[in-house]
Amino acid sequence: MDMKQNEPGRTTQPASLTPLVPPVDIVEDAEGITVRADLPGVSKDSLSIGVDGETLTVEATVELGEGVAMQAVYAEIRVAQYKRSFVLGRDLDTTRIDAAIRNGVLTMRVPKAEQAKPRRVAVKAE
């Protein structure tokens, strides 16, 4: 059976890799922000995190995995590519980003710059 003849416009090869947008949670506290992104199936080796100016970009590729003895007759997704970008505030220190991935969840910690952290001002008695 030829999928191209029976289903116009559909092929067994992906037309292009349109990146998937992973869902994220962003939490801010007095010390900075924590970003958690769901990236199921992503390993540390296929993950790329970059900062360009004030833009933080997360990219990852995950092979969906077919058995060696299996051949897809029709597959809409063969390789999942994740991509998400964020514009960070100037009060964040992008030189000290800490990132870890565990069980498909990427956790990034972006601390605030020292001058942006809340501080107390001492009052002198005169």
PDB file of N, CA and C in Angstrom:
ATOM      1  N   MET A   1       0.847  -1.172   0.000  1.00  0.00           N
ATOM      2  CA  MET A   1       0.000   0.000   0.000  1.00  0.00           C
ATOM      3  C   MET A   1       0.892   1.234   0.000  1.00  0.00           C
ATOM      4  N   ASP A   2       0.590   2.178  -0.851  1.00  0.00           N
ATOM      5  CA  ASP A   2       1.375   3.401  -0.954  1.00  0.00           C
ATOM      6  C   ASP A   2       0.626   4.517  -0.250  1.00  0.00           C
ATOM      7  N   MET A   3       1.181   4.981   0.850  1.00  0.00           N
ATOM      8  CA  MET A   3       0.515   6.018   1.649  1.00  0.00           C
ATOM      9  C   MET A   3       0.346   7.306   0.854  1.00  0.00           C
ATOM     10  N   LYS A   4       1.254   7.587  -0.053  1.00  0.00           N
ATOM     11  CA  LYS A   4       1.181   8.825  -0.813  1.00  0.00           C
ATOM     12  C   LYS A   4      -0.039   8.850  -1.732  1.00  0.00           C
ATOM     13  N   GLN A   5      -0.389   7.685  -2.314  1.00  0.00           N
ATOM     14  CA  GLN A   5      -1.533   7.648  -3.218  1.00  0.00           C
ATOM     15  C   GLN A   5      -2.852   7.659  -2.468  1.00  0.00           C
ATOM     16  N   ASN A   6      -2.915   6.971  -1.320  1.00  0.00           N
ATOM     17  CA  ASN A   6      -4.172   6.852  -0.592  1.00  0.00           C
ATOM     18  C   ASN A   6      -4.453   8.034   0.321  1.00  0.00           C
ATOM     19  N   GLU A   7      -3.412   8.705   0.765  1.00  0.00           N
ATOM     20  CA  GLU A   7      -3.584   9.836   1.671  1.00  0.00           C
ATOM     21  C   GLU A   7      -2.761  11.004   1.135  1.00  0.00           C
ATOM     22  N   PRO A   8      -3.357  11.829   0.267  1.00  0.00           N
ATOM     23  CA  PRO A   8      -2.608  12.936  -0.325  1.00  0.00           C
ATOM     24  C   PRO A   8      -1.985  13.844   0.734  1.00  0.00           C
ATOM     25  N   GLY A   9      -0.741  14.228   0.485  1.00  0.00           N
ATOM     26  CA  GLY A   9      -0.068  15.166   1.387  1.00  0.00           C
ATOM     27  C   GLY A   9       0.592  14.507   2.574  1.00  0.00           C
ATOM     28  N   ARG A  10       0.407  13.195   2.731  1.00  0.00           N
ATOM     29  CA  ARG A  10       1.021  12.502   3.868  1.00  0.00           C
ATOM     30  C   ARG A  10       2.110  11.575   3.375  1.00  0.00           C
ATOM     31  N   THR A  11       3.233  11.602   4.038  1.00  0.00           N
ATOM     32  CA  THR A  11       4.349  10.738   3.676  1.00  0.00           C
ATOM     33  C   THR A  11       4.874  10.085   4.934  1.00  0.00           C
ATOM     34  N   THR A  12       5.782   9.146   4.745  1.00  0.00           N
ATOM     35  CA  THR A  12       6.393   8.494   5.900  1.00  0.00           C
ATOM     36  C   THR A  12       7.588   9.277   6.419  1.00  0.00           C
ATOM     37  N   GLN A  13       8.000  10.322   5.732  1.00  0.00           N
ATOM     38  CA  GLN A  13       9.125  11.151   6.156  1.00  0.00           C
ATOM     39  C   GLN A  13       8.613  12.470   6.721  1.00  0.00           C
ATOM     40  N   PRO A  14       9.204  12.972   7.820  1.00  0.00           N
ATOM     41  CA  PRO A  14       8.774  14.257   8.351  1.00  0.00           C
ATOM     42  C   PRO A  14       9.110  15.383   7.384  1.00  0.00           C
ATOM     43  N   ALA A  15       8.147  16.279   7.161  1.00  0.00           N
ATOM     44  CA  ALA A  15       8.374  17.409   6.254  1.00  0.00           C
ATOM     45  C   ALA A  15       9.437  18.338   6.820  1.00  0.00           C
ATOM     46  N   SER A  16       9.348  18.642   8.090  1.00  0.00           N
ATOM     47  CA  SER A  16      10.351  19.475   8.747  1.00  0.00           C
ATOM     48  C   SER A  16      10.250  19.236  10.243  1.00  0.00           C
ATOM     49  N   LEU A  17      11.274  19.599  10.939  1.00  0.00           N
ATOM     50  CA  LEU A  17      11.261  19.455  12.382  1.00  0.00           C
ATOM     51  C   LEU A  17      10.752  20.741  13.006  1.00  0.00           C
ATOM     52  N   THR A  18       9.476  20.778  13.291  1.00  0.00           N
ATOM     53  CA  THR A  18       8.902  21.923  13.973  1.00  0.00           C
ATOM     54  C   THR A  18       9.122  21.704  15.458  1.00  0.00           C
ATOM     55  N   PRO A  19       9.848  22.597  16.115  1.00  0.00           N
ATOM     56  CA  PRO A  19      10.150  22.386  17.533  1.00  0.00           C
ATOM     57  C   PRO A  19       8.883  22.352  18.394  1.00  0.00           C
ATOM     58  N   LEU A  20       8.904  21.460  19.363  1.00  0.00           N
ATOM     59  CA  LEU A  20       7.847  21.409  20.363  1.00  0.00           C
ATOM     60  C   LEU A  20       8.182  22.428  21.443  1.00  0.00           C
ATOM     61  N   VAL A  21       7.171  23.065  21.987  1.00  0.00           N
ATOM     62  CA  VAL A  21       7.372  24.067  23.041  1.00  0.00           C
ATOM     63  C   VAL A  21       7.080  23.391  24.376  1.00  0.00           C
ATOM     64  N   PRO A  22       8.118  23.141  25.175  1.00  0.00           N
ATOM     65  CA  PRO A  22       7.889  22.450  26.437  1.00  0.00           C
ATOM     66  C   PRO A  22       7.180  23.359  27.447  1.00  0.00           C
ATOM     67  N   PRO A  23       6.270  22.785  28.226  1.00  0.00           N
ATOM     68  CA  PRO A  23       5.638  23.587  29.282  1.00  0.00           C
ATOM     69  C   PRO A  23       6.646  23.902  30.380  1.00  0.00           C
ATOM     70  N   VAL A  24       6.524  25.085  30.955  1.00  0.00           N
ATOM     71  CA  VAL A  24       7.457  25.513  32.007  1.00  0.00           C
ATOM     72  C   VAL A  24       6.702  26.112  33.187  1.00  0.00           C
ATOM     73  N   ASP A  25       7.362  26.079  34.320  1.00  0.00           N
ATOM     74  CA  ASP A  25       6.935  26.804  35.524  1.00  0.00           C
ATOM     75  C   ASP A  25       8.078  27.733  35.873  1.00  0.00           C
ATOM     76  N   ILE A  26       7.762  28.979  36.184  1.00  0.00           N
ATOM     77  CA  ILE A  26       8.777  29.947  36.593  1.00  0.00           C
ATOM     78  C   ILE A  26       8.362  30.517  37.941  1.00  0.00           C
ATOM     79  N   VAL A  27       9.268  30.402  38.907  1.00  0.00           N
ATOM     80  CA  VAL A  27       8.996  30.881  40.261  1.00  0.00           C
ATOM     81  C   VAL A  27      10.080  31.881  40.633  1.00  0.00           C
ATOM     82  N   GLU A  28       9.658  33.022  41.175  1.00  0.00           N
ATOM     83  CA  GLU A  28      10.612  34.043  41.602  1.00  0.00           C
ATOM     84  C   GLU A  28      10.599  34.157  43.108  1.00  0.00           C
ATOM     85  N   ASP A  29      11.788  34.335  43.681  1.00  0.00           N
ATOM     86  CA  ASP A  29      11.907  34.630  45.104  1.00  0.00           C
ATOM     87  C   ASP A  29      12.909  35.764  45.270  1.00  0.00           C
ATOM     88  N   ALA A  30      13.267  36.076  46.473  1.00  0.00           N
ATOM     89  CA  ALA A  30      14.158  37.210  46.729  1.00  0.00           C
ATOM     90  C   ALA A  30      15.555  36.997  46.161  1.00  0.00           C
ATOM     91  N   GLU A  31      15.956  35.749  45.957  1.00  0.00           N
ATOM     92  CA  GLU A  31      17.306  35.446  45.494  1.00  0.00           C
ATOM     93  C   GLU A  31      17.428  35.270  43.982  1.00  0.00           C
ATOM     94  N   GLY A  32      16.306  35.078  43.278  1.00  0.00           N
ATOM     95  CA  GLY A  32      16.365  34.874  41.831  1.00  0.00           C
ATOM     96  C   GLY A  32      15.128  34.166  41.319  1.00  0.00           C
ATOM     97  N   ILE A  33      15.270  33.476  40.169  1.00  0.00           N
ATOM     98  CA  ILE A  33      14.147  32.736  39.611  1.00  0.00           C
ATOM     99  C   ILE A  33      14.554  31.272  39.404  1.00  0.00           C
ATOM    100  N   THR A  34      13.554  30.401  39.462  1.00  0.00           N
ATOM    101  CA  THR A  34      13.731  28.991  39.159  1.00  0.00           C
ATOM    102  C   THR A  34      12.816  28.667  37.991  1.00  0.00           C
ATOM    103  N   VAL A  35      13.387  28.060  36.960  1.00  0.00           N
ATOM    104  CA  VAL A  35      12.636  27.669  35.771  1.00  0.00           C
ATOM    105  C   VAL A  35      12.639  26.150  35.712  1.00  0.00           C
ATOM    106  N   ARG A  36      11.460  25.548  35.616  1.00  0.00           N
ATOM    107  CA  ARG A  36      11.343  24.101  35.453  1.00  0.00           C
ATOM    108  C   ARG A  36      10.652  23.827  34.127  1.00  0.00           C
ATOM    109  N   ALA A  37      11.277  23.006  33.278  1.00  0.00           N
ATOM    110  CA  ALA A  37      10.727  22.677  31.965  1.00  0.00           C
ATOM    111  C   ALA A  37      10.567  21.172  31.846  1.00  0.00           C
ATOM    112  N   ASP A  38       9.419  20.735  31.324  1.00  0.00           N
ATOM    113  CA  ASP A  38       9.168  19.317  31.093  1.00  0.00           C
ATOM    114  C   ASP A  38       9.761  18.922  29.752  1.00  0.00           C
ATOM    115  N   LEU A  39      10.763  18.051  29.784  1.00  0.00           N
ATOM    116  CA  LEU A  39      11.441  17.583  28.572  1.00  0.00           C
ATOM    117  C   LEU A  39      11.526  16.057  28.613  1.00  0.00           C
ATOM    118  N   PRO A  40      10.400  15.358  28.462  1.00  0.00           N
ATOM    119  CA  PRO A  40      10.430  13.901  28.576  1.00  0.00           C
ATOM    120  C   PRO A  40      11.332  13.264  27.527  1.00  0.00           C
ATOM    121  N   GLY A  41      12.140  12.304  27.982  1.00  0.00           N
ATOM    122  CA  GLY A  41      13.019  11.570  27.086  1.00  0.00           C
ATOM    123  C   GLY A  41      14.321  12.257  26.752  1.00  0.00           C
ATOM    124  N   VAL A  42      14.573  13.438  27.302  1.00  0.00           N
ATOM    125  CA  VAL A  42      15.791  14.198  26.992  1.00  0.00           C
ATOM    126  C   VAL A  42      16.907  13.789  27.945  1.00  0.00           C
ATOM    127  N   SER A  43      18.080  13.556  27.382  1.00  0.00           N
ATOM    128  CA  SER A  43      19.250  13.261  28.197  1.00  0.00           C
ATOM    129  C   SER A  43      20.118  14.514  28.304  1.00  0.00           C
ATOM    130  N   LYS A  44      21.035  14.482  29.229  1.00  0.00           N
ATOM    131  CA  LYS A  44      21.952  15.608  29.422  1.00  0.00           C
ATOM    132  C   LYS A  44      22.757  15.889  28.149  1.00  0.00           C
ATOM    133  N   ASP A  45      23.104  14.832  27.428  1.00  0.00           N
ATOM    134  CA  ASP A  45      23.933  14.979  26.231  1.00  0.00           C
ATOM    135  C   ASP A  45      23.206  15.627  25.060  1.00  0.00           C
ATOM    136  N   SER A  46      21.873  15.526  25.013  1.00  0.00           N
ATOM    137  CA  SER A  46      21.127  16.111  23.894  1.00  0.00           C
ATOM    138  C   SER A  46      20.518  17.466  24.248  1.00  0.00           C
ATOM    139  N   LEU A  47      20.917  18.022  25.384  1.00  0.00           N
ATOM    140  CA  LEU A  47      20.373  19.288  25.886  1.00  0.00           C
ATOM    141  C   LEU A  47      21.370  20.418  25.664  1.00  0.00           C
ATOM    142  N   SER A  48      20.864  21.547  25.207  1.00  0.00           N
ATOM    143  CA  SER A  48      21.702  22.726  24.989  1.00  0.00           C
ATOM    144  C   SER A  48      21.023  23.931  25.612  1.00  0.00           C
ATOM    145  N   ILE A  49      21.744  24.638  26.467  1.00  0.00           N
ATOM    146  CA  ILE A  49      21.234  25.847  27.117  1.00  0.00           C
ATOM    147  C   ILE A  49      22.204  26.963  26.781  1.00  0.00           C
ATOM    148  N   GLY A  50      21.675  28.056  26.249  1.00  0.00           N
ATOM    149  CA  GLY A  50      22.536  29.167  25.871  1.00  0.00           C
ATOM    150  C   GLY A  50      21.964  30.502  26.288  1.00  0.00           C
ATOM    151  N   VAL A  51      22.838  31.466  26.472  1.00  0.00           N
ATOM    152  CA  VAL A  51      22.446  32.829  26.813  1.00  0.00           C
ATOM    153  C   VAL A  51      23.075  33.752  25.790  1.00  0.00           C
ATOM    154  N   ASP A  52      22.233  34.581  25.169  1.00  0.00           N
ATOM    155  CA  ASP A  52      22.709  35.585  24.216  1.00  0.00           C
ATOM    156  C   ASP A  52      22.115  36.914  24.652  1.00  0.00           C
ATOM    157  N   GLY A  53      22.947  37.750  25.241  1.00  0.00           N
ATOM    158  CA  GLY A  53      22.437  39.005  25.797  1.00  0.00           C
ATOM    159  C   GLY A  53      21.521  38.700  26.965  1.00  0.00           C
ATOM    160  N   GLU A  54      20.254  39.057  26.830  1.00  0.00           N
ATOM    161  CA  GLU A  54      19.264  38.797  27.885  1.00  0.00           C
ATOM    162  C   GLU A  54      18.324  37.653  27.523  1.00  0.00           C
ATOM    163  N   THR A  55      18.645  36.892  26.466  1.00  0.00           N
ATOM    164  CA  THR A  55      17.779  35.799  26.026  1.00  0.00           C
ATOM    165  C   THR A  55      18.371  34.452  26.418  1.00  0.00           C
ATOM    166  N   LEU A  56      17.596  33.684  27.158  1.00  0.00           N
ATOM    167  CA  LEU A  56      17.958  32.332  27.567  1.00  0.00           C
ATOM    168  C   LEU A  56      17.224  31.368  26.643  1.00  0.00           C
ATOM    169  N   THR A  57      17.961  30.453  25.999  1.00  0.00           N
ATOM    170  CA  THR A  57      17.356  29.510  25.065  1.00  0.00           C
ATOM    171  C   THR A  57      17.674  28.088  25.497  1.00  0.00           C
ATOM    172  N   VAL A  58      16.640  27.253  25.502  1.00  0.00           N
ATOM    173  CA  VAL A  58      16.777  25.837  25.822  1.00  0.00           C
ATOM    174  C   VAL A  58      16.402  25.055  24.569  1.00  0.00           C
ATOM    175  N   GLU A  59      17.295  24.153  24.137  1.00  0.00           N
ATOM    176  CA  GLU A  59      17.036  23.303  22.981  1.00  0.00           C
ATOM    177  C   GLU A  59      17.418  21.871  23.344  1.00  0.00           C
ATOM    178  N   ALA A  60      16.639  20.913  22.841  1.00  0.00           N
ATOM    179  CA  ALA A  60      16.934  19.502  23.100  1.00  0.00           C
ATOM    180  C   ALA A  60      16.320  18.655  22.000  1.00  0.00           C
ATOM    181  N   THR A  61      16.957  17.523  21.757  1.00  0.00           N
ATOM    182  CA  THR A  61      16.442  16.567  20.794  1.00  0.00           C
ATOM    183  C   THR A  61      16.310  15.232  21.490  1.00  0.00           C
ATOM    184  N   VAL A  62      15.226  14.526  21.203  1.00  0.00           N
ATOM    185  CA  VAL A  62      15.024  13.198  21.779  1.00  0.00           C
ATOM    186  C   VAL A  62      14.600  12.244  20.670  1.00  0.00           C
ATOM    187  N   GLU A  63      15.271  11.118  20.606  1.00  0.00           N
ATOM    188  CA  GLU A  63      14.889  10.071  19.664  1.00  0.00           C
ATOM    189  C   GLU A  63      13.715   9.323  20.284  1.00  0.00           C
ATOM    190  N   LEU A  64      12.676   9.138  19.508  1.00  0.00           N
ATOM    191  CA  LEU A  64      11.491   8.456  20.036  1.00  0.00           C
ATOM    192  C   LEU A  64      11.691   6.951  20.118  1.00  0.00           C
ATOM    193  N   GLY A  65      12.640   6.422  19.400  1.00  0.00           N
ATOM    194  CA  GLY A  65      13.030   5.034  19.532  1.00  0.00           C
ATOM    195  C   GLY A  65      12.053   4.033  18.953  1.00  0.00           C
ATOM    196  N   GLU A  66      12.459   3.395  17.917  1.00  0.00           N
ATOM    197  CA  GLU A  66      11.713   2.282  17.355  1.00  0.00           C
ATOM    198  C   GLU A  66      12.570   1.049  17.548  1.00  0.00           C
ATOM    199  N   GLY A  67      11.951  -0.077  17.711  1.00  0.00           N
ATOM    200  CA  GLY A  67      12.691  -1.312  17.840  1.00  0.00           C
ATOM    201  C   GLY A  67      13.497  -1.580  16.586  1.00  0.00           C
ATOM    202  N   VAL A  68      14.609  -2.282  16.724  1.00  0.00           N
ATOM    203  CA  VAL A  68      15.484  -2.562  15.595  1.00  0.00           C
ATOM    204  C   VAL A  68      14.736  -3.345  14.519  1.00  0.00           C
ATOM    205  N   ALA A  69      13.889  -4.282  14.918  1.00  0.00           N
ATOM    206  CA  ALA A  69      13.171  -5.119  13.955  1.00  0.00           C
ATOM    207  C   ALA A  69      11.899  -4.461  13.438  1.00  0.00           C
ATOM    208  N   MET A  70      11.601  -3.261  13.905  1.00  0.00           N
ATOM    209  CA  MET A  70      10.364  -2.596  13.504  1.00  0.00           C
ATOM    210  C   MET A  70      10.656  -1.524  12.463  1.00  0.00           C
ATOM    211  N   GLN A  71       9.723  -1.366  11.545  1.00  0.00           N
ATOM    212  CA  GLN A  71       9.819  -0.296  10.557  1.00  0.00           C
ATOM    213  C   GLN A  71       8.467   0.395  10.508  1.00  0.00           C
ATOM    214  N   ALA A  72       8.467   1.696  10.655  1.00  0.00           N
ATOM    215  CA  ALA A  72       7.216   2.448  10.666  1.00  0.00           C
ATOM    216  C   ALA A  72       6.608   2.472   9.272  1.00  0.00           C
ATOM    217  N   VAL A  73       5.323   2.200   9.198  1.00  0.00           N
ATOM    218  CA  VAL A  73       4.590   2.335   7.950  1.00  0.00           C
ATOM    219  C   VAL A  73       4.213   3.797   7.773  1.00  0.00           C
ATOM    220  N   TYR A  74       3.856   4.429   8.872  1.00  0.00           N
ATOM    221  CA  TYR A  74       3.499   5.844   8.872  1.00  0.00           C
ATOM    222  C   TYR A  74       3.884   6.420  10.219  1.00  0.00           C
ATOM    223  N   ALA A  75       4.601   7.524  10.210  1.00  0.00           N
ATOM    224  CA  ALA A  75       4.992   8.170  11.460  1.00  0.00           C
ATOM    225  C   ALA A  75       4.967   9.680  11.263  1.00  0.00           C
ATOM    226  N   GLU A  76       4.199  10.374  12.082  1.00  0.00           N
ATOM    227  CA  GLU A  76       4.156  11.833  12.000  1.00  0.00           C
ATOM    228  C   GLU A  76       5.331  12.450  12.737  1.00  0.00           C
ATOM    229  N   ILE A  77       5.775  11.785  13.789  1.00  0.00           N
ATOM    230  CA  ILE A  77       6.899  12.307  14.564  1.00  0.00           C
ATOM    231  C   ILE A  77       7.929  11.202  14.700  1.00  0.00           C
ATOM    232  N   ARG A  78       9.138  11.472  14.250  1.00  0.00           N
ATOM    233  CA  ARG A  78      10.233  10.508  14.413  1.00  0.00           C
ATOM    234  C   ARG A  78      11.259  11.038  15.408  1.00  0.00           C
ATOM    235  N   VAL A  79      11.510  12.305  15.350  1.00  0.00           N
ATOM    236  CA  VAL A  79      12.463  12.946  16.246  1.00  0.00           C
ATOM    237  C   VAL A  79      11.775  14.163  16.836  1.00  0.00           C
ATOM    238  N   ALA A  80      11.740  14.219  18.150  1.00  0.00           N
ATOM    239  CA  ALA A  80      11.144  15.381  18.810  1.00  0.00           C
ATOM    240  C   ALA A  80      12.251  16.382  19.108  1.00  0.00           C
ATOM    241  N   GLN A  81      12.016  17.609  18.742  1.00  0.00           N
ATOM    242  CA  GLN A  81      12.963  18.683  19.027  1.00  0.00           C
ATOM    243  C   GLN A  81      12.229  19.708  19.877  1.00  0.00           C
ATOM    244  N   TYR A  82      12.789  20.001  21.034  1.00  0.00           N
ATOM    245  CA  TYR A  82      12.219  21.000  21.929  1.00  0.00           C
ATOM    246  C   TYR A  82      12.998  22.299  21.782  1.00  0.00           C
ATOM    247  N   LYS A  83      12.279  23.415  21.872  1.00  0.00           N
ATOM    248  CA  LYS A  83      12.957  24.713  21.877  1.00  0.00           C
ATOM    249  C   LYS A  83      12.078  25.718  22.601  1.00  0.00           C
ATOM    250  N   ARG A  84      12.699  26.487  23.488  1.00  0.00           N
ATOM    251  CA  ARG A  84      11.984  27.526  24.227  1.00  0.00           C
ATOM    252  C   ARG A  84      12.966  28.627  24.566  1.00  0.00           C
ATOM    253  N   SER A  85      12.543  29.876  24.388  1.00  0.00           N
ATOM    254  CA  SER A  85      13.397  31.026  24.705  1.00  0.00           C
ATOM    255  C   SER A  85      12.678  31.953  25.671  1.00  0.00           C
ATOM    256  N   PHE A  86      13.468  32.608  26.508  1.00  0.00           N
ATOM    257  CA  PHE A  86      12.953  33.541  27.503  1.00  0.00           C
ATOM    258  C   PHE A  86      13.806  34.797  27.498  1.00  0.00           C
ATOM    259  N   VAL A  87      13.175  35.934  27.654  1.00  0.00           N
ATOM    260  CA  VAL A  87      13.906  37.186  27.821  1.00  0.00           C
ATOM    261  C   VAL A  87      14.009  37.423  29.324  1.00  0.00           C
ATOM    262  N   LEU A  88      15.238  37.506  29.799  1.00  0.00           N
ATOM    263  CA  LEU A  88      15.490  37.674  31.226  1.00  0.00           C
ATOM    264  C   LEU A  88      15.631  39.145  31.566  1.00  0.00           C
ATOM    265  N   GLY A  89      15.224  39.501  32.770  1.00  0.00           N
ATOM    266  CA  GLY A  89      15.368  40.872  33.241  1.00  0.00           C
ATOM    267  C   GLY A  89      16.829  41.207  33.497  1.00  0.00           C
ATOM    268  N   ARG A  90      17.137  42.466  33.464  1.00  0.00           N
ATOM    269  CA  ARG A  90      18.518  42.922  33.671  1.00  0.00           C
ATOM    270  C   ARG A  90      18.995  42.727  35.102  1.00  0.00           C
ATOM    271  N   ASP A  91      18.064  42.478  36.009  1.00  0.00           N
ATOM    272  CA  ASP A  91      18.456  42.288  37.400  1.00  0.00           C
ATOM    273  C   ASP A  91      18.911  40.852  37.679  1.00  0.00           C
ATOM    274  N   LEU A  92      18.916  39.981  36.663  1.00  0.00           N
ATOM    275  CA  LEU A  92      19.364  38.604  36.835  1.00  0.00           C
ATOM    276  C   LEU A  92      20.800  38.444  36.367  1.00  0.00           C
ATOM    277  N   ASP A  93      21.555  37.602  37.064  1.00  0.00           N
ATOM    278  CA  ASP A  93      22.965  37.368  36.754  1.00  0.00           C
ATOM    279  C   ASP A  93      23.078  36.136  35.855  1.00  0.00           C
ATOM    280  N   THR A  94      23.141  36.339  34.549  1.00  0.00           N
ATOM    281  CA  THR A  94      23.166  35.227  33.597  1.00  0.00           C
ATOM    282  C   THR A  94      24.507  34.491  33.573  1.00  0.00           C
ATOM    283  N   THR A  95      25.516  35.013  34.260  1.00  0.00           N
ATOM    284  CA  THR A  95      26.805  34.329  34.312  1.00  0.00           C
ATOM    285  C   THR A  95      26.823  33.228  35.375  1.00  0.00           C
ATOM    286  N   ARG A  96      25.806  33.176  36.210  1.00  0.00           N
ATOM    287  CA  ARG A  96      25.784  32.186  37.294  1.00  0.00           C
ATOM    288  C   ARG A  96      24.574  31.253  37.220  1.00  0.00           C
ATOM    289  N   ILE A  97      24.095  30.934  36.020  1.00  0.00           N
ATOM    290  CA  ILE A  97      22.960  30.027  35.856  1.00  0.00           C
ATOM    291  C   ILE A  97      23.399  28.613  36.208  1.00  0.00           C
ATOM    292  N   ASP A  98      22.571  27.936  36.983  1.00  0.00           N
ATOM    293  CA  ASP A  98      22.821  26.555  37.381  1.00  0.00           C
ATOM    294  C   ASP A  98      21.704  25.710  36.789  1.00  0.00           C
ATOM    295  N   ALA A  99      22.048  24.586  36.142  1.00  0.00           N
ATOM    296  CA  ALA A  99      21.032  23.756  35.489  1.00  0.00           C
ATOM    297  C   ALA A  99      21.271  22.286  35.788  1.00  0.00           C
ATOM    298  N   ALA A 100      20.165  21.538  35.928  1.00  0.00           N
ATOM    299  CA  ALA A 100      20.232  20.088  36.140  1.00  0.00           C
ATOM    300  C   ALA A 100      18.986  19.462  35.527  1.00  0.00           C
ATOM    301  N   ILE A 101      19.136  18.243  34.998  1.00  0.00           N
ATOM    302  CA  ILE A 101      17.986  17.528  34.456  1.00  0.00           C
ATOM    303  C   ILE A 101      17.862  16.201  35.184  1.00  0.00           C
ATOM    304  N   ARG A 102      16.630  15.891  35.571  1.00  0.00           N
ATOM    305  CA  ARG A 102      16.357  14.644  36.293  1.00  0.00           C
ATOM    306  C   ARG A 102      14.964  14.164  35.930  1.00  0.00           C
ATOM    307  N   ASN A 103      14.872  12.921  35.489  1.00  0.00           N
ATOM    308  CA  ASN A 103      13.587  12.308  35.135  1.00  0.00           C
ATOM    309  C   ASN A 103      12.787  13.155  34.144  1.00  0.00           C
ATOM    310  N   GLY A 104      13.462  13.763  33.168  1.00  0.00           N
ATOM    311  CA  GLY A 104      12.777  14.531  32.138  1.00  0.00           C
ATOM    312  C   GLY A 104      12.354  15.927  32.553  1.00  0.00           C
ATOM    313  N   VAL A 105      12.803  16.382  33.716  1.00  0.00           N
ATOM    314  CA  VAL A 105      12.479  17.736  34.180  1.00  0.00           C
ATOM    315  C   VAL A 105      13.777  18.528  34.308  1.00  0.00           C
ATOM    316  N   LEU A 106      13.879  19.596  33.530  1.00  0.00           N
ATOM    317  CA  LEU A 106      15.031  20.487  33.593  1.00  0.00           C
ATOM    318  C   LEU A 106      14.743  21.562  34.633  1.00  0.00           C
ATOM    319  N   THR A 107      15.676  21.750  35.571  1.00  0.00           N
ATOM    320  CA  THR A 107      15.556  22.798  36.578  1.00  0.00           C
ATOM    321  C   THR A 107      16.734  23.741  36.418  1.00  0.00           C
ATOM    322  N   MET A 108      16.421  25.023  36.190  1.00  0.00           N
ATOM    323  CA  MET A 108      17.458  26.045  36.063  1.00  0.00           C
ATOM    324  C   MET A 108      17.245  27.089  37.147  1.00  0.00           C
ATOM    325  N   ARG A 109      18.332  27.491  37.755  1.00  0.00           N
ATOM    326  CA  ARG A 109      18.301  28.539  38.774  1.00  0.00           C
ATOM    327  C   ARG A 109      19.084  29.725  38.237  1.00  0.00           C
ATOM    328  N   VAL A 110      18.424  30.877  38.154  1.00  0.00           N
ATOM    329  CA  VAL A 110      19.060  32.101  37.685  1.00  0.00           C
ATOM    330  C   VAL A 110      19.032  33.086  38.853  1.00  0.00           C
ATOM    331  N   PRO A 111      20.195  33.321  39.479  1.00  0.00           N
ATOM    332  CA  PRO A 111      20.208  34.211  40.641  1.00  0.00           C
ATOM    333  C   PRO A 111      20.109  35.677  40.234  1.00  0.00           C
ATOM    334  N   LYS A 112      19.629  36.471  41.176  1.00  0.00           N
ATOM    335  CA  LYS A 112      19.607  37.915  40.955  1.00  0.00           C
ATOM    336  C   LYS A 112      21.014  38.469  41.147  1.00  0.00           C
ATOM    337  N   ALA A 113      21.309  39.529  40.427  1.00  0.00           N
ATOM    338  CA  ALA A 113      22.581  40.226  40.613  1.00  0.00           C
ATOM    339  C   ALA A 113      22.587  40.821  42.017  1.00  0.00           C
ATOM    340  N   GLU A 114      23.755  40.936  42.602  1.00  0.00           N
ATOM    341  CA  GLU A 114      23.855  41.433  43.982  1.00  0.00           C
ATOM    342  C   GLU A 114      23.180  42.790  44.162  1.00  0.00           C
ATOM    343  N   GLN A 115      23.339  43.690  43.198  1.00  0.00           N
ATOM    344  CA  GLN A 115      22.744  45.015  43.324  1.00  0.00           C
ATOM    345  C   GLN A 115      21.217  44.985  43.213  1.00  0.00           C
ATOM    346  N   ALA A 116      20.647  43.885  42.700  1.00  0.00           N
ATOM    347  CA  ALA A 116      19.193  43.805  42.540  1.00  0.00           C
ATOM    348  C   ALA A 116      18.509  43.125  43.725  1.00  0.00           C
ATOM    349  N   LYS A 117      19.295  42.492  44.592  1.00  0.00           N
ATOM    350  CA  LYS A 117      18.707  41.793  45.745  1.00  0.00           C
ATOM    351  C   LYS A 117      18.223  42.809  46.780  1.00  0.00           C
ATOM    352  N   PRO A 118      17.100  42.489  47.412  1.00  0.00           N
ATOM    353  CA  PRO A 118      16.625  43.383  48.471  1.00  0.00           C
ATOM    354  C   PRO A 118      17.644  43.426  49.616  1.00  0.00           C
ATOM    355  N   ARG A 119      17.787  44.573  50.194  1.00  0.00           N
ATOM    356  CA  ARG A 119      18.714  44.696  51.317  1.00  0.00           C
ATOM    357  C   ARG A 119      18.149  45.678  52.327  1.00  0.00           C
ATOM    358  N   ARG A 120      18.650  45.584  53.509  1.00  0.00           N
ATOM    359  CA  ARG A 120      18.216  46.484  54.582  1.00  0.00           C
ATOM    360  C   ARG A 120      19.237  47.600  54.723  1.00  0.00           C
ATOM    361  N   VAL A 121      18.747  48.746  54.994  1.00  0.00           N
ATOM    362  CA  VAL A 121      19.624  49.896  55.206  1.00  0.00           C
ATOM    363  C   VAL A 121      19.670  50.176  56.695  1.00  0.00           C
ATOM    364  N   ALA A 122      20.879  50.213  57.223  1.00  0.00           N
ATOM    365  CA  ALA A 122      21.062  50.481  58.642  1.00  0.00           C
ATOM    366  C   ALA A 122      20.828  51.974  58.930  1.00  0.00           C
ATOM    367  N   VAL A 123      20.109  52.243  59.983  1.00  0.00           N
ATOM    368  CA  VAL A 123      19.840  53.622  60.376  1.00  0.00           C
ATOM    369  C   VAL A 123      20.711  53.959  61.563  1.00  0.00           C
ATOM    370  N   LYS A 124      21.443  55.066  61.468  1.00  0.00           N
ATOM    371  CA  LYS A 124      22.328  55.496  62.552  1.00  0.00           C
ATOM    372  C   LYS A 124      21.609  56.525  63.424  1.00  0.00           C
ATOM    373  N   ALA A 125      21.829  56.440  64.678  1.00  0.00           N
ATOM    374  CA  ALA A 125      21.284  57.444  65.609  1.00  0.00           C
ATOM    375  C   ALA A 125      22.308  58.565  65.738  1.00  0.00           C
ATOM    376  N   GLU A 126      21.845  59.803  65.615  1.00  0.00           N
ATOM    377  CA  GLU A 126      22.780  60.923  65.707  1.00  0.00           C
ATOM    378  C   GLU A 126      22.522  61.724  66.951  1.00  0.00           C
TER     379      GLU A 126
END
